[in-house]
Amino acid sequence: AKCQCKIAPKERKNCGHPGISAADCRKAGCCFNASVPGVPWCFTAKPKKVKKVCPADPRIRVNCGYPGITAKECTSRKCCFRAHPAGVPWCFYHRTVEE
């Protein structure tokens, strides 16, 4: 993603060999920007920012508990708890999404 490549030129960490092409740099999962001389043009991207969320759609819940689990037991497992609707897990795993 473009935002992962917004790194100050002096903070770039080299990610390719001298003379690497933009295409080969990107194929390696790195960022390429040849606009500033004297710094790496092929450089390591910032890590993706992710967060854990409780999915809103009950159809995609992945069970983290058992029938009759309490909210306290569920949260002690570091899972989400919503006692509705019927027929889906009430204790379920978080989903990881990019910010």
N, C-alpha and C. Protein backbone atom coordinates (compact mmCIF):
# COMPACT_ATOMS: atom_id res chain seq x y z
N ALA A 1 0.84 -1.18 0.00
CA ALA A 1 0.00 0.00 0.00
C ALA A 1 0.89 1.25 0.00
N LYS A 2 0.41 2.29 -0.64
CA LYS A 2 1.21 3.52 -0.75
C LYS A 2 1.58 4.08 0.62
N CYS A 3 0.66 4.01 1.59
CA CYS A 3 0.95 4.59 2.90
C CYS A 3 2.10 3.86 3.59
N GLN A 4 2.33 2.59 3.25
CA GLN A 4 3.43 1.84 3.85
C GLN A 4 4.78 2.28 3.30
N CYS A 5 4.77 3.02 2.19
CA CYS A 5 6.02 3.47 1.57
C CYS A 5 6.33 4.92 1.87
N LYS A 6 5.51 5.57 2.67
CA LYS A 6 5.78 6.96 3.05
C LYS A 6 6.75 6.96 4.22
N ILE A 7 8.03 6.95 3.85
CA ILE A 7 9.11 6.89 4.83
C ILE A 7 10.09 8.01 4.48
N ALA A 8 10.53 8.75 5.48
CA ALA A 8 11.52 9.81 5.24
C ALA A 8 12.76 9.20 4.60
N PRO A 9 13.32 9.84 3.56
CA PRO A 9 14.47 9.27 2.85
C PRO A 9 15.60 8.82 3.77
N LYS A 10 15.91 9.61 4.81
CA LYS A 10 17.03 9.24 5.70
C LYS A 10 16.71 8.04 6.59
N GLU A 11 15.43 7.64 6.66
CA GLU A 11 15.04 6.50 7.49
C GLU A 11 14.85 5.21 6.68
N ARG A 12 15.09 5.26 5.38
CA ARG A 12 14.91 4.09 4.53
C ARG A 12 15.93 3.01 4.85
N LYS A 13 15.46 1.77 4.85
CA LYS A 13 16.34 0.61 5.04
C LYS A 13 16.40 -0.14 3.70
N ASN A 14 17.60 -0.33 3.20
CA ASN A 14 17.82 -0.93 1.89
C ASN A 14 17.15 -2.30 1.78
N CYS A 15 16.54 -2.53 0.63
CA CYS A 15 15.80 -3.77 0.41
C CYS A 15 16.19 -4.44 -0.91
N GLY A 16 17.21 -3.93 -1.58
CA GLY A 16 17.58 -4.52 -2.87
C GLY A 16 19.04 -4.28 -3.18
N HIS A 17 19.50 -4.94 -4.22
CA HIS A 17 20.89 -4.79 -4.65
C HIS A 17 21.05 -3.51 -5.47
N PRO A 18 22.28 -3.00 -5.60
CA PRO A 18 22.49 -1.79 -6.40
C PRO A 18 21.99 -2.00 -7.84
N GLY A 19 21.27 -1.04 -8.34
CA GLY A 19 20.77 -1.10 -9.72
C GLY A 19 19.49 -1.90 -9.89
N ILE A 20 18.86 -2.34 -8.82
CA ILE A 20 17.61 -3.11 -8.93
C ILE A 20 16.56 -2.26 -9.63
N SER A 21 15.75 -2.90 -10.47
CA SER A 21 14.70 -2.16 -11.17
C SER A 21 13.51 -1.96 -10.24
N ALA A 22 12.68 -0.99 -10.56
CA ALA A 22 11.47 -0.74 -9.76
C ALA A 22 10.60 -1.98 -9.73
N ALA A 23 10.45 -2.65 -10.89
CA ALA A 23 9.59 -3.84 -10.96
C ALA A 23 10.13 -4.96 -10.07
N ASP A 24 11.45 -5.22 -10.13
CA ASP A 24 12.02 -6.27 -9.29
C ASP A 24 11.94 -5.92 -7.81
N CYS A 25 12.09 -4.64 -7.50
CA CYS A 25 11.99 -4.19 -6.11
C CYS A 25 10.58 -4.47 -5.59
N ARG A 26 9.58 -4.09 -6.36
CA ARG A 26 8.18 -4.29 -5.93
C ARG A 26 7.83 -5.77 -5.86
N LYS A 27 8.39 -6.58 -6.79
CA LYS A 27 8.15 -8.03 -6.75
C LYS A 27 8.67 -8.63 -5.45
N ALA A 28 9.72 -8.02 -4.90
CA ALA A 28 10.31 -8.49 -3.64
C ALA A 28 9.52 -7.99 -2.43
N GLY A 29 8.44 -7.23 -2.68
CA GLY A 29 7.61 -6.74 -1.59
C GLY A 29 8.14 -5.46 -0.96
N CYS A 30 8.98 -4.74 -1.71
CA CYS A 30 9.59 -3.53 -1.19
C CYS A 30 9.03 -2.30 -1.89
N CYS A 31 9.40 -1.14 -1.39
CA CYS A 31 8.99 0.14 -1.97
C CYS A 31 10.11 0.64 -2.88
N PHE A 32 9.75 1.41 -3.91
CA PHE A 32 10.74 1.99 -4.81
C PHE A 32 10.43 3.45 -5.04
N ASN A 33 11.46 4.30 -4.83
CA ASN A 33 11.32 5.73 -5.09
C ASN A 33 12.72 6.26 -5.40
N ALA A 34 12.93 6.64 -6.66
CA ALA A 34 14.25 7.08 -7.11
C ALA A 34 14.37 8.60 -7.14
N SER A 35 13.51 9.31 -6.42
CA SER A 35 13.50 10.77 -6.51
C SER A 35 14.55 11.45 -5.63
N VAL A 36 15.15 10.74 -4.69
CA VAL A 36 16.13 11.35 -3.79
C VAL A 36 17.48 10.63 -3.96
N PRO A 37 18.51 11.35 -4.45
CA PRO A 37 19.82 10.69 -4.59
C PRO A 37 20.48 10.48 -3.24
N GLY A 38 21.35 9.46 -3.18
CA GLY A 38 22.15 9.23 -1.98
C GLY A 38 21.47 8.43 -0.89
N VAL A 39 20.26 7.95 -1.14
CA VAL A 39 19.56 7.10 -0.17
C VAL A 39 19.05 5.87 -0.91
N PRO A 40 18.73 4.79 -0.20
CA PRO A 40 18.20 3.62 -0.90
C PRO A 40 16.94 3.95 -1.70
N TRP A 41 16.91 3.49 -2.94
CA TRP A 41 15.73 3.68 -3.78
C TRP A 41 14.76 2.51 -3.61
N CYS A 42 15.30 1.35 -3.31
CA CYS A 42 14.49 0.16 -3.03
C CYS A 42 14.61 -0.05 -1.52
N PHE A 43 13.49 0.11 -0.81
CA PHE A 43 13.56 0.09 0.65
C PHE A 43 12.39 -0.66 1.26
N THR A 44 12.59 -1.08 2.50
CA THR A 44 11.61 -1.87 3.24
C THR A 44 10.39 -1.01 3.57
N ALA A 45 9.21 -1.60 3.36
CA ALA A 45 7.95 -0.92 3.66
C ALA A 45 7.70 -0.94 5.17
N LYS A 46 6.89 0.02 5.62
CA LYS A 46 6.43 0.00 7.02
C LYS A 46 5.51 -1.20 7.19
N PRO A 47 5.49 -1.80 8.37
CA PRO A 47 4.56 -2.91 8.58
C PRO A 47 3.11 -2.43 8.49
N LYS A 48 2.25 -3.33 8.03
CA LYS A 48 0.82 -2.99 7.96
C LYS A 48 0.28 -2.78 9.37
N LYS A 49 -0.59 -1.80 9.50
CA LYS A 49 -1.24 -1.57 10.78
C LYS A 49 -2.53 -2.38 10.78
N VAL A 50 -2.68 -3.21 11.78
CA VAL A 50 -3.86 -4.04 11.89
C VAL A 50 -4.49 -3.87 13.26
N LYS A 51 -5.75 -4.21 13.35
CA LYS A 51 -6.42 -4.20 14.64
C LYS A 51 -7.38 -5.38 14.69
N LYS A 52 -7.69 -5.78 15.91
CA LYS A 52 -8.65 -6.86 16.12
C LYS A 52 -10.02 -6.26 16.34
N VAL A 53 -11.02 -6.82 15.67
CA VAL A 53 -12.39 -6.36 15.84
C VAL A 53 -13.30 -7.56 16.00
N CYS A 54 -14.43 -7.32 16.64
CA CYS A 54 -15.46 -8.35 16.72
C CYS A 54 -16.32 -8.21 15.47
N PRO A 55 -16.42 -9.26 14.64
CA PRO A 55 -17.17 -9.12 13.40
C PRO A 55 -18.64 -8.79 13.67
N ALA A 56 -19.16 -7.85 12.89
CA ALA A 56 -20.56 -7.43 13.04
C ALA A 56 -21.51 -8.46 12.42
N ASP A 57 -21.07 -9.14 11.37
CA ASP A 57 -21.93 -10.10 10.67
C ASP A 57 -21.93 -11.43 11.42
N PRO A 58 -23.06 -11.83 12.02
CA PRO A 58 -23.08 -13.07 12.80
C PRO A 58 -22.80 -14.32 11.96
N ARG A 59 -22.97 -14.23 10.64
CA ARG A 59 -22.76 -15.40 9.78
C ARG A 59 -21.28 -15.76 9.63
N ILE A 60 -20.38 -14.84 9.95
CA ILE A 60 -18.95 -15.14 9.79
C ILE A 60 -18.26 -15.41 11.13
N ARG A 61 -19.03 -15.56 12.19
CA ARG A 61 -18.45 -15.86 13.50
C ARG A 61 -17.81 -17.24 13.50
N VAL A 62 -16.64 -17.34 14.13
CA VAL A 62 -15.96 -18.61 14.31
C VAL A 62 -15.98 -18.93 15.79
N ASN A 63 -16.57 -20.06 16.14
CA ASN A 63 -16.81 -20.44 17.53
C ASN A 63 -15.53 -20.47 18.35
N CYS A 64 -15.61 -19.85 19.52
CA CYS A 64 -14.48 -19.80 20.45
C CYS A 64 -14.87 -20.42 21.79
N GLY A 65 -16.07 -20.92 21.89
CA GLY A 65 -16.54 -21.43 23.18
C GLY A 65 -17.29 -22.73 23.05
N TYR A 66 -18.35 -22.83 23.82
CA TYR A 66 -19.18 -24.03 23.85
C TYR A 66 -20.59 -23.59 24.25
N PRO A 67 -21.59 -24.42 24.00
CA PRO A 67 -22.96 -24.03 24.37
C PRO A 67 -23.06 -23.70 25.86
N GLY A 68 -23.64 -22.56 26.16
CA GLY A 68 -23.84 -22.15 27.54
C GLY A 68 -22.67 -21.38 28.15
N ILE A 69 -21.63 -21.10 27.39
CA ILE A 69 -20.49 -20.35 27.94
C ILE A 69 -20.97 -18.98 28.41
N THR A 70 -20.42 -18.52 29.51
CA THR A 70 -20.80 -17.20 30.02
C THR A 70 -19.94 -16.13 29.36
N ALA A 71 -20.40 -14.89 29.44
CA ALA A 71 -19.64 -13.78 28.87
C ALA A 71 -18.26 -13.69 29.53
N LYS A 72 -18.21 -13.90 30.84
CA LYS A 72 -16.94 -13.82 31.58
C LYS A 72 -15.97 -14.90 31.10
N GLU A 73 -16.47 -16.13 30.95
CA GLU A 73 -15.60 -17.21 30.48
C GLU A 73 -15.10 -16.91 29.06
N CYS A 74 -15.99 -16.38 28.23
CA CYS A 74 -15.64 -16.07 26.85
C CYS A 74 -14.56 -15.00 26.80
N THR A 75 -14.75 -13.91 27.54
CA THR A 75 -13.77 -12.83 27.50
C THR A 75 -12.45 -13.25 28.14
N SER A 76 -12.49 -14.20 29.08
CA SER A 76 -11.23 -14.69 29.66
C SER A 76 -10.43 -15.46 28.61
N ARG A 77 -11.10 -15.95 27.57
CA ARG A 77 -10.43 -16.61 26.45
C ARG A 77 -9.97 -15.59 25.41
N LYS A 78 -10.18 -14.31 25.69
CA LYS A 78 -9.86 -13.19 24.79
C LYS A 78 -10.67 -13.25 23.51
N CYS A 79 -11.94 -13.62 23.64
CA CYS A 79 -12.85 -13.71 22.50
C CYS A 79 -13.99 -12.70 22.65
N CYS A 80 -14.77 -12.55 21.60
CA CYS A 80 -15.93 -11.66 21.59
C CYS A 80 -17.14 -12.40 22.13
N PHE A 81 -18.06 -11.67 22.75
CA PHE A 81 -19.30 -12.29 23.24
C PHE A 81 -20.48 -11.40 22.88
N ARG A 82 -21.44 -11.98 22.20
CA ARG A 82 -22.72 -11.32 21.92
C ARG A 82 -23.80 -12.39 21.99
N ALA A 83 -24.71 -12.25 22.94
CA ALA A 83 -25.73 -13.27 23.19
C ALA A 83 -26.93 -13.11 22.27
N HIS A 84 -26.68 -12.96 21.02
CA HIS A 84 -27.73 -12.88 20.00
C HIS A 84 -27.07 -12.95 18.64
N PRO A 85 -27.69 -13.27 17.58
CA PRO A 85 -28.99 -13.93 17.48
C PRO A 85 -28.87 -15.42 17.77
N ALA A 86 -29.98 -16.09 17.78
CA ALA A 86 -29.99 -17.53 18.01
C ALA A 86 -29.38 -18.24 16.80
N GLY A 87 -28.82 -19.41 17.04
CA GLY A 87 -28.34 -20.25 15.95
C GLY A 87 -26.93 -19.95 15.46
N VAL A 88 -26.23 -19.02 16.12
CA VAL A 88 -24.83 -18.72 15.76
C VAL A 88 -24.02 -18.71 17.06
N PRO A 89 -22.70 -18.86 16.95
CA PRO A 89 -21.88 -18.80 18.19
C PRO A 89 -22.02 -17.45 18.88
N TRP A 90 -22.15 -17.49 20.19
CA TRP A 90 -22.21 -16.27 20.97
C TRP A 90 -20.83 -15.87 21.47
N CYS A 91 -19.95 -16.84 21.56
CA CYS A 91 -18.56 -16.61 21.92
C CYS A 91 -17.75 -16.92 20.67
N PHE A 92 -17.05 -15.90 20.14
CA PHE A 92 -16.40 -16.09 18.84
C PHE A 92 -15.11 -15.28 18.77
N TYR A 93 -14.24 -15.71 17.86
CA TYR A 93 -12.92 -15.09 17.69
C TYR A 93 -13.01 -13.72 17.05
N HIS A 94 -12.03 -12.88 17.40
CA HIS A 94 -11.86 -11.58 16.75
C HIS A 94 -11.43 -11.83 15.29
N ARG A 95 -11.59 -10.80 14.47
CA ARG A 95 -11.05 -10.81 13.11
C ARG A 95 -9.98 -9.73 13.07
N THR A 96 -8.95 -9.96 12.30
CA THR A 96 -7.89 -8.97 12.14
C THR A 96 -8.13 -8.23 10.85
N VAL A 97 -8.16 -6.90 10.93
CA VAL A 97 -8.40 -6.07 9.75
C VAL A 97 -7.31 -4.99 9.68
N GLU A 98 -7.02 -4.55 8.45
CA GLU A 98 -6.06 -3.46 8.27
C GLU A 98 -6.71 -2.16 8.65
N GLU A 99 -5.93 -1.27 9.28
CA GLU A 99 -6.45 0.05 9.65
C GLU A 99 -6.39 0.98 8.47
